[in-house]
Amino acid sequence: NILWKKIDRVHTISDDLYNRAIKLGLDSNIEC
């Protein structure tokens, strides 16, 4: 919850992991 507010950029190794992170609260506007 705290981390999601601090991130400037995300690296994902698969679509699935990114979509799971969105469900966990990651802001979809953060550059990925």
PDB file of all heavy atoms in Angstrom:
ATOM      1  N   ASN A   1       0.815  -1.224   0.000  1.00  0.00           N
ATOM      2  CA  ASN A   1       0.000   0.000   0.000  1.00  0.00           C
ATOM      3  C   ASN A   1       0.848   1.273   0.000  1.00  0.00           C
ATOM      4  O   ASN A   1       0.521   2.247  -0.683  1.00  0.00           O
ATOM      5  CB  ASN A   1      -0.943   0.004   1.211  1.00  0.00           C
ATOM      6  CG  ASN A   1      -2.134  -0.912   1.002  1.00  0.00           C
ATOM      7  OD1 ASN A   1      -2.235  -1.569  -0.031  1.00  0.00           O
ATOM      8  ND2 ASN A   1      -3.023  -0.968   1.968  1.00  0.00           N
ATOM      9  N   ILE A   2       1.926   1.272   0.770  1.00  0.00           N
ATOM     10  CA  ILE A   2       2.812   2.447   0.802  1.00  0.00           C
ATOM     11  C   ILE A   2       3.644   2.513  -0.479  1.00  0.00           C
ATOM     12  O   ILE A   2       3.795   3.577  -1.084  1.00  0.00           O
ATOM     13  CB  ILE A   2       3.730   2.413   2.035  1.00  0.00           C
ATOM     14  CG1 ILE A   2       2.903   2.505   3.321  1.00  0.00           C
ATOM     15  CG2 ILE A   2       4.760   3.548   1.983  1.00  0.00           C
ATOM     16  CD1 ILE A   2       3.712   2.352   4.590  1.00  0.00           C
ATOM     17  N   LEU A   3       4.146   1.370  -0.899  1.00  0.00           N
ATOM     18  CA  LEU A   3       5.019   1.317  -2.079  1.00  0.00           C
ATOM     19  C   LEU A   3       4.327   1.842  -3.327  1.00  0.00           C
ATOM     20  O   LEU A   3       4.930   2.579  -4.115  1.00  0.00           O
ATOM     21  CB  LEU A   3       5.491  -0.120  -2.307  1.00  0.00           C
ATOM     22  CG  LEU A   3       6.382  -0.372  -3.537  1.00  0.00           C
ATOM     23  CD1 LEU A   3       7.680   0.402  -3.413  1.00  0.00           C
ATOM     24  CD2 LEU A   3       6.636  -1.859  -3.718  1.00  0.00           C
ATOM     25  N   TRP A   4       3.058   1.472  -3.532  1.00  0.00           N
ATOM     26  CA  TRP A   4       2.350   1.892  -4.746  1.00  0.00           C
ATOM     27  C   TRP A   4       2.372   3.414  -4.933  1.00  0.00           C
ATOM     28  O   TRP A   4       2.344   3.906  -6.050  1.00  0.00           O
ATOM     29  CB  TRP A   4       0.897   1.435  -4.711  1.00  0.00           C
ATOM     30  CG  TRP A   4       0.611  -0.036  -4.735  1.00  0.00           C
ATOM     31  CD1 TRP A   4      -0.433  -0.664  -4.134  1.00  0.00           C
ATOM     32  CD2 TRP A   4       1.322  -1.075  -5.430  1.00  0.00           C
ATOM     33  NE1 TRP A   4      -0.413  -2.010  -4.375  1.00  0.00           N
ATOM     34  CE2 TRP A   4       0.654  -2.291  -5.181  1.00  0.00           C
ATOM     35  CE3 TRP A   4       2.471  -1.110  -6.227  1.00  0.00           C
ATOM     36  CZ2 TRP A   4       1.081  -3.515  -5.685  1.00  0.00           C
ATOM     37  CZ3 TRP A   4       2.912  -2.330  -6.729  1.00  0.00           C
ATOM     38  CH2 TRP A   4       2.225  -3.505  -6.468  1.00  0.00           C
ATOM     39  N   LYS A   5       2.431   4.168  -3.822  1.00  0.00           N
ATOM     40  CA  LYS A   5       2.387   5.630  -3.894  1.00  0.00           C
ATOM     41  C   LYS A   5       3.738   6.251  -4.223  1.00  0.00           C
ATOM     42  O   LYS A   5       3.808   7.452  -4.502  1.00  0.00           O
ATOM     43  CB  LYS A   5       1.892   6.198  -2.555  1.00  0.00           C
ATOM     44  CG  LYS A   5       0.514   5.704  -2.144  1.00  0.00           C
ATOM     45  CD  LYS A   5       0.176   6.156  -0.726  1.00  0.00           C
ATOM     46  CE  LYS A   5      -1.143   5.573  -0.253  1.00  0.00           C
ATOM     47  NZ  LYS A   5      -1.437   5.949   1.161  1.00  0.00           N
ATOM     48  N   LYS A   6       4.806   5.470  -4.194  1.00  0.00           N
ATOM     49  CA  LYS A   6       6.159   6.015  -4.332  1.00  0.00           C
ATOM     50  C   LYS A   6       6.814   5.718  -5.688  1.00  0.00           C
ATOM     51  O   LYS A   6       7.851   6.285  -6.018  1.00  0.00           O
ATOM     52  CB  LYS A   6       7.061   5.431  -3.238  1.00  0.00           C
ATOM     53  CG  LYS A   6       6.471   5.422  -1.832  1.00  0.00           C
ATOM     54  CD  LYS A   6       6.417   6.803  -1.220  1.00  0.00           C
ATOM     55  CE  LYS A   6       5.878   6.748   0.203  1.00  0.00           C
ATOM     56  NZ  LYS A   6       5.941   8.026   0.892  1.00  0.00           N
ATOM     57  N   ILE A   7       6.235   4.827  -6.455  1.00  0.00           N
ATOM     58  CA  ILE A   7       6.896   4.298  -7.656  1.00  0.00           C
ATOM     59  C   ILE A   7       6.884   5.299  -8.801  1.00  0.00           C
ATOM     60  O   ILE A   7       5.872   5.950  -9.071  1.00  0.00           O
ATOM     61  CB  ILE A   7       6.207   2.996  -8.119  1.00  0.00           C
ATOM     62  CG1 ILE A   7       6.272   1.930  -7.021  1.00  0.00           C
ATOM     63  CG2 ILE A   7       6.843   2.453  -9.391  1.00  0.00           C
ATOM     64  CD1 ILE A   7       5.380   0.740  -7.289  1.00  0.00           C
ATOM     65  N   ASP A   8       8.013   5.396  -9.504  1.00  0.00           N
ATOM     66  CA  ASP A   8       8.086   6.207 -10.725  1.00  0.00           C
ATOM     67  C   ASP A   8       7.921   5.359 -11.979  1.00  0.00           C
ATOM     68  O   ASP A   8       7.385   5.821 -12.984  1.00  0.00           O
ATOM     69  CB  ASP A   8       9.441   6.931 -10.794  1.00  0.00           C
ATOM     70  CG  ASP A   8       9.564   7.989  -9.718  1.00  0.00           C
ATOM     71  OD1 ASP A   8       8.826   8.982  -9.778  1.00  0.00           O
ATOM     72  OD2 ASP A   8      10.385   7.814  -8.791  1.00  0.00           O
ATOM     73  N   ARG A   9       8.388   4.124 -11.918  1.00  0.00           N
ATOM     74  CA  ARG A   9       8.352   3.286 -13.120  1.00  0.00           C
ATOM     75  C   ARG A   9       8.360   1.816 -12.733  1.00  0.00           C
ATOM     76  O   ARG A   9       8.985   1.418 -11.752  1.00  0.00           O
ATOM     77  CB  ARG A   9       9.548   3.606 -14.018  1.00  0.00           C
ATOM     78  CG  ARG A   9       9.399   3.122 -15.452  1.00  0.00           C
ATOM     79  CD  ARG A   9      10.350   3.895 -16.360  1.00  0.00           C
ATOM     80  NE  ARG A   9       9.945   5.290 -16.501  1.00  0.00           N
ATOM     81  CZ  ARG A   9      10.690   6.240 -17.044  1.00  0.00           C
ATOM     82  NH1 ARG A   9      11.901   5.947 -17.484  1.00  0.00           N
ATOM     83  NH2 ARG A   9      10.250   7.466 -17.137  1.00  0.00           N
ATOM     84  N   VAL A  10       7.652   1.011 -13.514  1.00  0.00           N
ATOM     85  CA  VAL A  10       7.510  -0.422 -13.244  1.00  0.00           C
ATOM     86  C   VAL A  10       8.075  -1.233 -14.398  1.00  0.00           C
ATOM     87  O   VAL A  10       7.864  -0.897 -15.565  1.00  0.00           O
ATOM     88  CB  VAL A  10       6.024  -0.787 -13.032  1.00  0.00           C
ATOM     89  CG1 VAL A  10       5.825  -2.295 -13.069  1.00  0.00           C
ATOM     90  CG2 VAL A  10       5.517  -0.231 -11.710  1.00  0.00           C
ATOM     91  N   HIS A  11       8.778  -2.295 -14.052  1.00  0.00           N
ATOM     92  CA  HIS A  11       9.209  -3.289 -15.034  1.00  0.00           C
ATOM     93  C   HIS A  11       8.489  -4.596 -14.706  1.00  0.00           C
ATOM     94  O   HIS A  11       8.575  -5.093 -13.583  1.00  0.00           O
ATOM     95  CB  HIS A  11      10.734  -3.497 -14.958  1.00  0.00           C
ATOM     96  CG  HIS A  11      11.181  -4.811 -15.533  1.00  0.00           C
ATOM     97  ND1 HIS A  11      12.063  -5.647 -14.874  1.00  0.00           N
ATOM     98  CD2 HIS A  11      10.866  -5.440 -16.691  1.00  0.00           C
ATOM     99  CE1 HIS A  11      12.277  -6.724 -15.601  1.00  0.00           C
ATOM    100  NE2 HIS A  11      11.557  -6.619 -16.708  1.00  0.00           N
ATOM    101  N   THR A  12       7.760  -5.126 -15.653  1.00  0.00           N
ATOM    102  CA  THR A  12       7.125  -6.431 -15.481  1.00  0.00           C
ATOM    103  C   THR A  12       7.671  -7.409 -16.497  1.00  0.00           C
ATOM    104  O   THR A  12       8.039  -7.007 -17.617  1.00  0.00           O
ATOM    105  CB  THR A  12       5.585  -6.332 -15.599  1.00  0.00           C
ATOM    106  OG1 THR A  12       5.009  -7.601 -15.285  1.00  0.00           O
ATOM    107  CG2 THR A  12       5.156  -5.911 -16.997  1.00  0.00           C
ATOM    108  N   ILE A  13       7.733  -8.686 -16.118  1.00  0.00           N
ATOM    109  CA  ILE A  13       8.239  -9.696 -17.056  1.00  0.00           C
ATOM    110  C   ILE A  13       7.108 -10.392 -17.802  1.00  0.00           C
ATOM    111  O   ILE A  13       7.365 -11.182 -18.707  1.00  0.00           O
ATOM    112  CB  ILE A  13       9.128 -10.744 -16.342  1.00  0.00           C
ATOM    113  CG1 ILE A  13       8.349 -11.469 -15.242  1.00  0.00           C
ATOM    114  CG2 ILE A  13      10.392 -10.089 -15.793  1.00  0.00           C
ATOM    115  CD1 ILE A  13       9.134 -12.610 -14.594  1.00  0.00           C
ATOM    116  N   SER A  14       5.853 -10.089 -17.419  1.00  0.00           N
ATOM    117  CA  SER A  14       4.725 -10.689 -18.138  1.00  0.00           C
ATOM    118  C   SER A  14       3.474  -9.835 -17.948  1.00  0.00           C
ATOM    119  O   SER A  14       3.352  -9.078 -16.980  1.00  0.00           O
ATOM    120  CB  SER A  14       4.454 -12.116 -17.646  1.00  0.00           C
ATOM    121  OG  SER A  14       3.901 -12.109 -16.342  1.00  0.00           O
ATOM    122  N   ASP A  15       2.535  -9.972 -18.861  1.00  0.00           N
ATOM    123  CA  ASP A  15       1.257  -9.274 -18.756  1.00  0.00           C
ATOM    124  C   ASP A  15       0.512  -9.697 -17.497  1.00  0.00           C
ATOM    125  O   ASP A  15      -0.108  -8.884 -16.815  1.00  0.00           O
ATOM    126  CB  ASP A  15       0.380  -9.590 -19.973  1.00  0.00           C
ATOM    127  CG  ASP A  15       0.966  -9.073 -21.269  1.00  0.00           C
ATOM    128  OD1 ASP A  15       1.926  -8.284 -21.214  1.00  0.00           O
ATOM    129  OD2 ASP A  15       0.468  -9.465 -22.340  1.00  0.00           O
ATOM    130  N   ASP A  16       0.554 -10.995 -17.214  1.00  0.00           N
ATOM    131  CA  ASP A  16      -0.194 -11.534 -16.087  1.00  0.00           C
ATOM    132  C   ASP A  16       0.206 -10.874 -14.767  1.00  0.00           C
ATOM    133  O   ASP A  16      -0.645 -10.501 -13.959  1.00  0.00           O
ATOM    134  CB  ASP A  16       0.018 -13.053 -15.997  1.00  0.00           C
ATOM    135  CG  ASP A  16      -0.775 -13.675 -14.868  1.00  0.00           C
ATOM    136  OD1 ASP A  16      -1.949 -13.995 -15.072  1.00  0.00           O
ATOM    137  OD2 ASP A  16      -0.209 -13.813 -13.753  1.00  0.00           O
ATOM    138  N   LEU A  17       1.510 -10.719 -14.544  1.00  0.00           N
ATOM    139  CA  LEU A  17       1.971 -10.118 -13.297  1.00  0.00           C
ATOM    140  C   LEU A  17       1.531  -8.665 -13.189  1.00  0.00           C
ATOM    141  O   LEU A  17       1.164  -8.192 -12.105  1.00  0.00           O
ATOM    142  CB  LEU A  17       3.489 -10.227 -13.187  1.00  0.00           C
ATOM    143  CG  LEU A  17       4.053 -11.648 -13.017  1.00  0.00           C
ATOM    144  CD1 LEU A  17       5.578 -11.601 -12.939  1.00  0.00           C
ATOM    145  CD2 LEU A  17       3.487 -12.315 -11.779  1.00  0.00           C
ATOM    146  N   TYR A  18       1.570  -7.937 -14.294  1.00  0.00           N
ATOM    147  CA  TYR A  18       1.127  -6.546 -14.275  1.00  0.00           C
ATOM    148  C   TYR A  18      -0.356  -6.452 -13.933  1.00  0.00           C
ATOM    149  O   TYR A  18      -0.772  -5.638 -13.097  1.00  0.00           O
ATOM    150  CB  TYR A  18       1.403  -5.887 -15.626  1.00  0.00           C
ATOM    151  CG  TYR A  18       0.893  -4.464 -15.702  1.00  0.00           C
ATOM    152  CD1 TYR A  18       1.590  -3.425 -15.088  1.00  0.00           C
ATOM    153  CD2 TYR A  18      -0.299  -4.163 -16.358  1.00  0.00           C
ATOM    154  CE1 TYR A  18       1.113  -2.114 -15.133  1.00  0.00           C
ATOM    155  CE2 TYR A  18      -0.783  -2.862 -16.410  1.00  0.00           C
ATOM    156  CZ  TYR A  18      -0.069  -1.849 -15.796  1.00  0.00           C
ATOM    157  OH  TYR A  18      -0.551  -0.559 -15.841  1.00  0.00           O
ATOM    158  N   ASN A  19      -1.166  -7.284 -14.561  1.00  0.00           N
ATOM    159  CA  ASN A  19      -2.601  -7.257 -14.308  1.00  0.00           C
ATOM    160  C   ASN A  19      -2.922  -7.645 -12.862  1.00  0.00           C
ATOM    161  O   ASN A  19      -3.845  -7.100 -12.253  1.00  0.00           O
ATOM    162  CB  ASN A  19      -3.315  -8.193 -15.281  1.00  0.00           C
ATOM    163  CG  ASN A  19      -3.270  -7.680 -16.711  1.00  0.00           C
ATOM    164  OD1 ASN A  19      -3.278  -6.473 -16.935  1.00  0.00           O
ATOM    165  ND2 ASN A  19      -3.203  -8.580 -17.680  1.00  0.00           N
ATOM    166  N   ARG A  20      -2.153  -8.564 -12.308  1.00  0.00           N
ATOM    167  CA  ARG A  20      -2.334  -8.926 -10.899  1.00  0.00           C
ATOM    168  C   ARG A  20      -1.994  -7.739  -9.993  1.00  0.00           C
ATOM    169  O   ARG A  20      -2.669  -7.497  -8.985  1.00  0.00           O
ATOM    170  CB  ARG A  20      -1.442 -10.111 -10.539  1.00  0.00           C
ATOM    171  CG  ARG A  20      -1.953 -11.461 -11.029  1.00  0.00           C
ATOM    172  CD  ARG A  20      -0.923 -12.548 -10.719  1.00  0.00           C
ATOM    173  NE  ARG A  20      -1.355 -13.843 -11.210  1.00  0.00           N
ATOM    174  CZ  ARG A  20      -1.926 -14.784 -10.450  1.00  0.00           C
ATOM    175  NH1 ARG A  20      -2.120 -14.550  -9.165  1.00  0.00           N
ATOM    176  NH2 ARG A  20      -2.271 -15.950 -10.963  1.00  0.00           N
ATOM    177  N   ALA A  21      -0.917  -7.013 -10.351  1.00  0.00           N
ATOM    178  CA  ALA A  21      -0.515  -5.847  -9.550  1.00  0.00           C
ATOM    179  C   ALA A  21      -1.587  -4.768  -9.566  1.00  0.00           C
ATOM    180  O   ALA A  21      -1.836  -4.108  -8.545  1.00  0.00           O
ATOM    181  CB  ALA A  21       0.812  -5.298 -10.066  1.00  0.00           C
ATOM    182  N   ILE A  22      -2.235  -4.565 -10.701  1.00  0.00           N
ATOM    183  CA  ILE A  22      -3.331  -3.591 -10.787  1.00  0.00           C
ATOM    184  C   ILE A  22      -4.443  -3.974  -9.815  1.00  0.00           C
ATOM    185  O   ILE A  22      -4.990  -3.139  -9.093  1.00  0.00           O
ATOM    186  CB  ILE A  22      -3.883  -3.511 -12.227  1.00  0.00           C
ATOM    187  CG1 ILE A  22      -2.820  -2.925 -13.187  1.00  0.00           C
ATOM    188  CG2 ILE A  22      -5.162  -2.680 -12.272  1.00  0.00           C
ATOM    189  CD1 ILE A  22      -2.458  -1.497 -12.919  1.00  0.00           C
ATOM    190  N   LYS A  23      -4.763  -5.267  -9.756  1.00  0.00           N
ATOM    191  CA  LYS A  23      -5.803  -5.736  -8.841  1.00  0.00           C
ATOM    192  C   LYS A  23      -5.387  -5.552  -7.386  1.00  0.00           C
ATOM    193  O   LYS A  23      -6.238  -5.406  -6.503  1.00  0.00           O
ATOM    194  CB  LYS A  23      -6.117  -7.200  -9.120  1.00  0.00           C
ATOM    195  CG  LYS A  23      -6.795  -7.450 -10.451  1.00  0.00           C
ATOM    196  CD  LYS A  23      -7.020  -8.936 -10.700  1.00  0.00           C
ATOM    197  CE  LYS A  23      -7.673  -9.165 -12.073  1.00  0.00           C
ATOM    198  NZ  LYS A  23      -7.851 -10.610 -12.344  1.00  0.00           N
ATOM    199  N   LEU A  24      -4.066  -5.554  -7.143  1.00  0.00           N
ATOM    200  CA  LEU A  24      -3.561  -5.378  -5.777  1.00  0.00           C
ATOM    201  C   LEU A  24      -3.455  -3.907  -5.379  1.00  0.00           C
ATOM    202  O   LEU A  24      -3.098  -3.601  -4.241  1.00  0.00           O
ATOM    203  CB  LEU A  24      -2.188  -6.041  -5.639  1.00  0.00           C
ATOM    204  CG  LEU A  24      -2.161  -7.575  -5.684  1.00  0.00           C
ATOM    205  CD1 LEU A  24      -0.722  -8.086  -5.804  1.00  0.00           C
ATOM    206  CD2 LEU A  24      -2.829  -8.157  -4.443  1.00  0.00           C
ATOM    207  N   GLY A  25      -3.733  -3.004  -6.321  1.00  0.00           N
ATOM    208  CA  GLY A  25      -3.752  -1.592  -5.969  1.00  0.00           C
ATOM    209  C   GLY A  25      -2.784  -0.701  -6.724  1.00  0.00           C
ATOM    210  O   GLY A  25      -2.750   0.514  -6.495  1.00  0.00           O
ATOM    211  N   LEU A  26      -1.977  -1.244  -7.628  1.00  0.00           N
ATOM    212  CA  LEU A  26      -1.066  -0.413  -8.416  1.00  0.00           C
ATOM    213  C   LEU A  26      -1.857   0.541  -9.302  1.00  0.00           C
ATOM    214  O   LEU A  26      -2.822   0.129  -9.967  1.00  0.00           O
ATOM    215  CB  LEU A  26      -0.160  -1.291  -9.285  1.00  0.00           C
ATOM    216  CG  LEU A  26       0.788  -0.554 -10.233  1.00  0.00           C
ATOM    217  CD1 LEU A  26       1.894   0.147  -9.452  1.00  0.00           C
ATOM    218  CD2 LEU A  26       1.374  -1.513 -11.272  1.00  0.00           C
ATOM    219  N   ASP A  27      -1.462   1.799  -9.322  1.00  0.00           N
ATOM    220  CA  ASP A  27      -2.101   2.807 -10.167  1.00  0.00           C
ATOM    221  C   ASP A  27      -1.762   2.533 -11.632  1.00  0.00           C
ATOM    222  O   ASP A  27      -0.586   2.476 -12.009  1.00  0.00           O
ATOM    223  CB  ASP A  27      -1.612   4.200  -9.754  1.00  0.00           C
ATOM    224  CG  ASP A  27      -2.348   5.326 -10.476  1.00  0.00           C
ATOM    225  OD1 ASP A  27      -3.042   5.060 -11.471  1.00  0.00           O
ATOM    226  OD2 ASP A  27      -2.209   6.484 -10.032  1.00  0.00           O
ATOM    227  N   SER A  28      -2.777   2.383 -12.458  1.00  0.00           N
ATOM    228  CA  SER A  28      -2.552   2.067 -13.876  1.00  0.00           C
ATOM    229  C   SER A  28      -1.901   3.225 -14.634  1.00  0.00           C
ATOM    230  O   SER A  28      -1.432   3.048 -15.759  1.00  0.00           O
ATOM    231  CB  SER A  28      -3.874   1.686 -14.548  1.00  0.00           C
ATOM    232  OG  SER A  28      -4.795   2.761 -14.475  1.00  0.00           O
ATOM    233  N   ASN A  29      -1.857   4.411 -14.023  1.00  0.00           N
ATOM    234  CA  ASN A  29      -1.223   5.564 -14.674  1.00  0.00           C
ATOM    235  C   ASN A  29       0.297   5.573 -14.494  1.00  0.00           C
ATOM    236  O   ASN A  29       0.987   6.352 -15.151  1.00  0.00           O
ATOM    237  CB  ASN A  29      -1.808   6.864 -14.123  1.00  0.00           C
ATOM    238  CG  ASN A  29      -3.243   7.084 -14.575  1.00  0.00           C
ATOM    239  OD1 ASN A  29      -3.557   6.876 -15.737  1.00  0.00           O
ATOM    240  ND2 ASN A  29      -4.106   7.485 -13.648  1.00  0.00           N
ATOM    241  N   ILE A  30       0.821   4.730 -13.603  1.00  0.00           N
ATOM    242  CA  ILE A  30       2.274   4.642 -13.434  1.00  0.00           C
ATOM    243  C   ILE A  30       2.874   3.993 -14.678  1.00  0.00           C
ATOM    244  O   ILE A  30       2.373   2.987 -15.174  1.00  0.00           O
ATOM    245  CB  ILE A  30       2.632   3.820 -12.176  1.00  0.00           C
ATOM    246  CG1 ILE A  30       2.183   4.566 -10.918  1.00  0.00           C
ATOM    247  CG2 ILE A  30       4.127   3.530 -12.109  1.00  0.00           C
ATOM    248  CD1 ILE A  30       2.332   3.769  -9.646  1.00  0.00           C
ATOM    249  N   GLU A  31       3.939   4.591 -15.189  1.00  0.00           N
ATOM    250  CA  GLU A  31       4.574   4.067 -16.401  1.00  0.00           C
ATOM    251  C   GLU A  31       5.048   2.633 -16.182  1.00  0.00           C
ATOM    252  O   GLU A  31       5.729   2.330 -15.202  1.00  0.00           O
ATOM    253  CB  GLU A  31       5.753   4.937 -16.799  1.00  0.00           C
ATOM    254  CG  GLU A  31       5.343   6.338 -17.247  1.00  0.00           C
ATOM    255  CD  GLU A  31       6.545   7.203 -17.589  1.00  0.00           C
ATOM    256  OE1 GLU A  31       7.633   6.936 -17.050  1.00  0.00           O
ATOM    257  OE2 GLU A  31       6.393   8.127 -18.385  1.00  0.00           O
ATOM    258  N   CYS A  32       4.681   1.767 -17.099  1.00  0.00           N
ATOM    259  CA  CYS A  32       5.056   0.361 -17.000  1.00  0.00           C
ATOM    260  C   CYS A  32       5.633  -0.118 -18.326  1.00  0.00           C
ATOM    261  O   CYS A  32       5.129   0.239 -19.391  1.00  0.00           O
ATOM    262  CB  CYS A  32       3.845  -0.491 -16.624  1.00  0.00           C
ATOM    263  SG  CYS A  32       4.246  -2.246 -16.432  1.00  0.00           S
TER     264      CYS A  32
END
